[in-house]
Amino acid sequence: MKRLCGLLALLLVLWLPPPAAAAPGICVGPVCADEITRSAKHHFQLRLKVSDQQGHRERLTVDCRDGQLSPVSGPVERGYATAVARRACRLG
């Protein structure tokens, strides 16, 4: 009886779907941003962590007054990164 209960518990665990991974905050095309925070020193700046489908990741700062990204170049494609940053500024 004890063995049967253990077997049923094992089967139940195997049949349950795995926990879902956390969804990213904002996506535009292949680039997604998460961990979006407002700068404590400059209220018009947002800091966000962006990643693309190729596995490139970086931390960006965006000036929401004019949409400029810092750093200007990096491993994540800047066209999509700029679009994600502008969307984050509109939502924030």
C-alpha atoms as a PDB file:
ATOM      1  CA  MET A   1       0.000   0.000   0.000  1.00  0.00           C
ATOM      2  CA  LYS A   2       2.825   2.382   0.900  1.00  0.00           C
ATOM      3  CA  ARG A   3       4.593   1.538  -2.335  1.00  0.00           C
ATOM      4  CA  LEU A   4       1.409   2.193  -4.343  1.00  0.00           C
ATOM      5  CA  CYS A   5       0.978   5.629  -2.755  1.00  0.00           C
ATOM      6  CA  GLY A   6       4.584   6.497  -3.562  1.00  0.00           C
ATOM      7  CA  LEU A   7       4.097   5.399  -7.161  1.00  0.00           C
ATOM      8  CA  LEU A   8       0.912   7.457  -7.495  1.00  0.00           C
ATOM      9  CA  ALA A   9       2.628  10.517  -6.052  1.00  0.00           C
ATOM     10  CA  LEU A  10       5.509  10.096  -8.515  1.00  0.00           C
ATOM     11  CA  LEU A  11       3.110   9.805 -11.458  1.00  0.00           C
ATOM     12  CA  LEU A  12       1.191  12.862 -10.296  1.00  0.00           C
ATOM     13  CA  VAL A  13       4.390  14.929 -10.110  1.00  0.00           C
ATOM     14  CA  LEU A  14       5.459  13.785 -13.575  1.00  0.00           C
ATOM     15  CA  TRP A  15       2.094  14.678 -15.107  1.00  0.00           C
ATOM     16  CA  LEU A  16       1.938  18.195 -13.682  1.00  0.00           C
ATOM     17  CA  PRO A  17       3.197  20.904 -16.038  1.00  0.00           C
ATOM     18  CA  PRO A  18       6.440  22.621 -15.044  1.00  0.00           C
ATOM     19  CA  PRO A  19       6.153  26.083 -13.478  1.00  0.00           C
ATOM     20  CA  ALA A  20       6.021  28.864 -16.038  1.00  0.00           C
ATOM     21  CA  ALA A  21       8.979  31.169 -16.455  1.00  0.00           C
ATOM     22  CA  ALA A  22       8.430  34.824 -15.663  1.00  0.00           C
ATOM     23  CA  ALA A  23       7.300  36.852 -18.644  1.00  0.00           C
ATOM     24  CA  PRO A  24       9.462  39.765 -19.727  1.00  0.00           C
ATOM     25  CA  GLY A  25       8.215  43.273 -19.105  1.00  0.00           C
ATOM     26  CA  ILE A  26       7.993  44.808 -22.604  1.00  0.00           C
ATOM     27  CA  CYS A  27       8.837  43.288 -25.989  1.00  0.00           C
ATOM     28  CA  VAL A  28       9.184  44.819 -29.436  1.00  0.00           C
ATOM     29  CA  GLY A  29      10.190  42.378 -32.150  1.00  0.00           C
ATOM     30  CA  PRO A  30      13.047  40.167 -30.915  1.00  0.00           C
ATOM     31  CA  VAL A  31      14.070  42.516 -28.065  1.00  0.00           C
ATOM     32  CA  CYS A  32      12.534  42.423 -24.579  1.00  0.00           C
ATOM     33  CA  ALA A  33      13.120  44.648 -21.556  1.00  0.00           C
ATOM     34  CA  ASP A  34      12.647  43.870 -17.890  1.00  0.00           C
ATOM     35  CA  GLU A  35      13.831  45.214 -14.539  1.00  0.00           C
ATOM     36  CA  ILE A  36      12.638  48.674 -15.560  1.00  0.00           C
ATOM     37  CA  THR A  37      13.386  51.276 -12.881  1.00  0.00           C
ATOM     38  CA  ARG A  38      13.334  55.061 -12.726  1.00  0.00           C
ATOM     39  CA  SER A  39      16.575  56.833 -11.873  1.00  0.00           C
ATOM     40  CA  ALA A  40      16.574  58.249  -8.348  1.00  0.00           C
ATOM     41  CA  LYS A  41      18.765  61.169  -9.366  1.00  0.00           C
ATOM     42  CA  HIS A  42      17.109  62.104 -12.688  1.00  0.00           C
ATOM     43  CA  HIS A  43      13.354  61.500 -12.780  1.00  0.00           C
ATOM     44  CA  PHE A  44      13.311  61.618 -16.607  1.00  0.00           C
ATOM     45  CA  GLN A  45      15.662  58.614 -16.956  1.00  0.00           C
ATOM     46  CA  LEU A  46      14.720  54.945 -16.972  1.00  0.00           C
ATOM     47  CA  ARG A  47      17.133  52.074 -16.498  1.00  0.00           C
ATOM     48  CA  LEU A  48      16.216  48.790 -18.131  1.00  0.00           C
ATOM     49  CA  LYS A  49      17.770  45.446 -18.826  1.00  0.00           C
ATOM     50  CA  VAL A  50      17.282  44.395 -22.458  1.00  0.00           C
ATOM     51  CA  SER A  51      17.854  41.035 -24.121  1.00  0.00           C
ATOM     52  CA  ASP A  52      17.313  39.598 -27.569  1.00  0.00           C
ATOM     53  CA  GLN A  53      16.560  36.140 -28.939  1.00  0.00           C
ATOM     54  CA  GLN A  54      20.241  35.499 -29.653  1.00  0.00           C
ATOM     55  CA  GLY A  55      21.036  35.720 -25.942  1.00  0.00           C
ATOM     56  CA  HIS A  56      22.637  39.177 -25.934  1.00  0.00           C
ATOM     57  CA  ARG A  57      21.903  41.116 -22.734  1.00  0.00           C
ATOM     58  CA  GLU A  58      22.776  44.565 -21.529  1.00  0.00           C
ATOM     59  CA  ARG A  59      21.713  47.322 -19.156  1.00  0.00           C
ATOM     60  CA  LEU A  60      20.565  50.563 -20.816  1.00  0.00           C
ATOM     61  CA  THR A  61      19.670  54.030 -19.632  1.00  0.00           C
ATOM     62  CA  VAL A  62      17.115  55.987 -21.648  1.00  0.00           C
ATOM     63  CA  ASP A  63      16.471  59.716 -21.442  1.00  0.00           C
ATOM     64  CA  CYS A  64      12.681  59.910 -21.775  1.00  0.00           C
ATOM     65  CA  ARG A  65      12.796  63.586 -22.791  1.00  0.00           C
ATOM     66  CA  ASP A  66      14.348  62.810 -26.178  1.00  0.00           C
ATOM     67  CA  GLY A  67      14.524  58.990 -26.352  1.00  0.00           C
ATOM     68  CA  GLN A  68      18.331  58.781 -26.383  1.00  0.00           C
ATOM     69  CA  LEU A  69      19.914  55.514 -25.257  1.00  0.00           C
ATOM     70  CA  SER A  70      23.120  55.179 -23.323  1.00  0.00           C
ATOM     71  CA  PRO A  71      25.363  53.480 -24.359  1.00  0.00           C
ATOM     72  CA  VAL A  72      24.771  54.356 -28.005  1.00  0.00           C
ATOM     73  CA  SER A  73      26.068  51.011 -29.337  1.00  0.00           C
ATOM     74  CA  GLY A  74      26.076  47.512 -27.936  1.00  0.00           C
ATOM     75  CA  PRO A  75      25.253  43.867 -28.599  1.00  0.00           C
ATOM     76  CA  VAL A  76      21.453  44.349 -28.676  1.00  0.00           C
ATOM     77  CA  GLU A  77      20.132  45.836 -31.945  1.00  0.00           C
ATOM     78  CA  ARG A  78      19.529  49.547 -31.285  1.00  0.00           C
ATOM     79  CA  GLY A  79      16.431  50.013 -33.468  1.00  0.00           C
ATOM     80  CA  TYR A  80      14.400  47.536 -31.434  1.00  0.00           C
ATOM     81  CA  ALA A  81      16.046  48.618 -28.172  1.00  0.00           C
ATOM     82  CA  THR A  82      15.021  52.227 -28.876  1.00  0.00           C
ATOM     83  CA  ALA A  83      11.437  51.136 -29.591  1.00  0.00           C
ATOM     84  CA  VAL A  84      11.313  49.185 -26.312  1.00  0.00           C
ATOM     85  CA  ALA A  85      12.754  52.173 -24.421  1.00  0.00           C
ATOM     86  CA  ARG A  86      10.225  54.605 -25.904  1.00  0.00           C
ATOM     87  CA  ARG A  87       7.368  52.272 -24.999  1.00  0.00           C
ATOM     88  CA  ALA A  88       8.721  52.013 -21.432  1.00  0.00           C
ATOM     89  CA  CYS A  89       8.860  55.814 -21.216  1.00  0.00           C
ATOM     90  CA  ARG A  90       5.239  56.109 -22.344  1.00  0.00           C
ATOM     91  CA  LEU A  91       4.111  53.539 -19.764  1.00  0.00           C
ATOM     92  CA  GLY A  92       6.265  54.911 -16.955  1.00  0.00           C
END
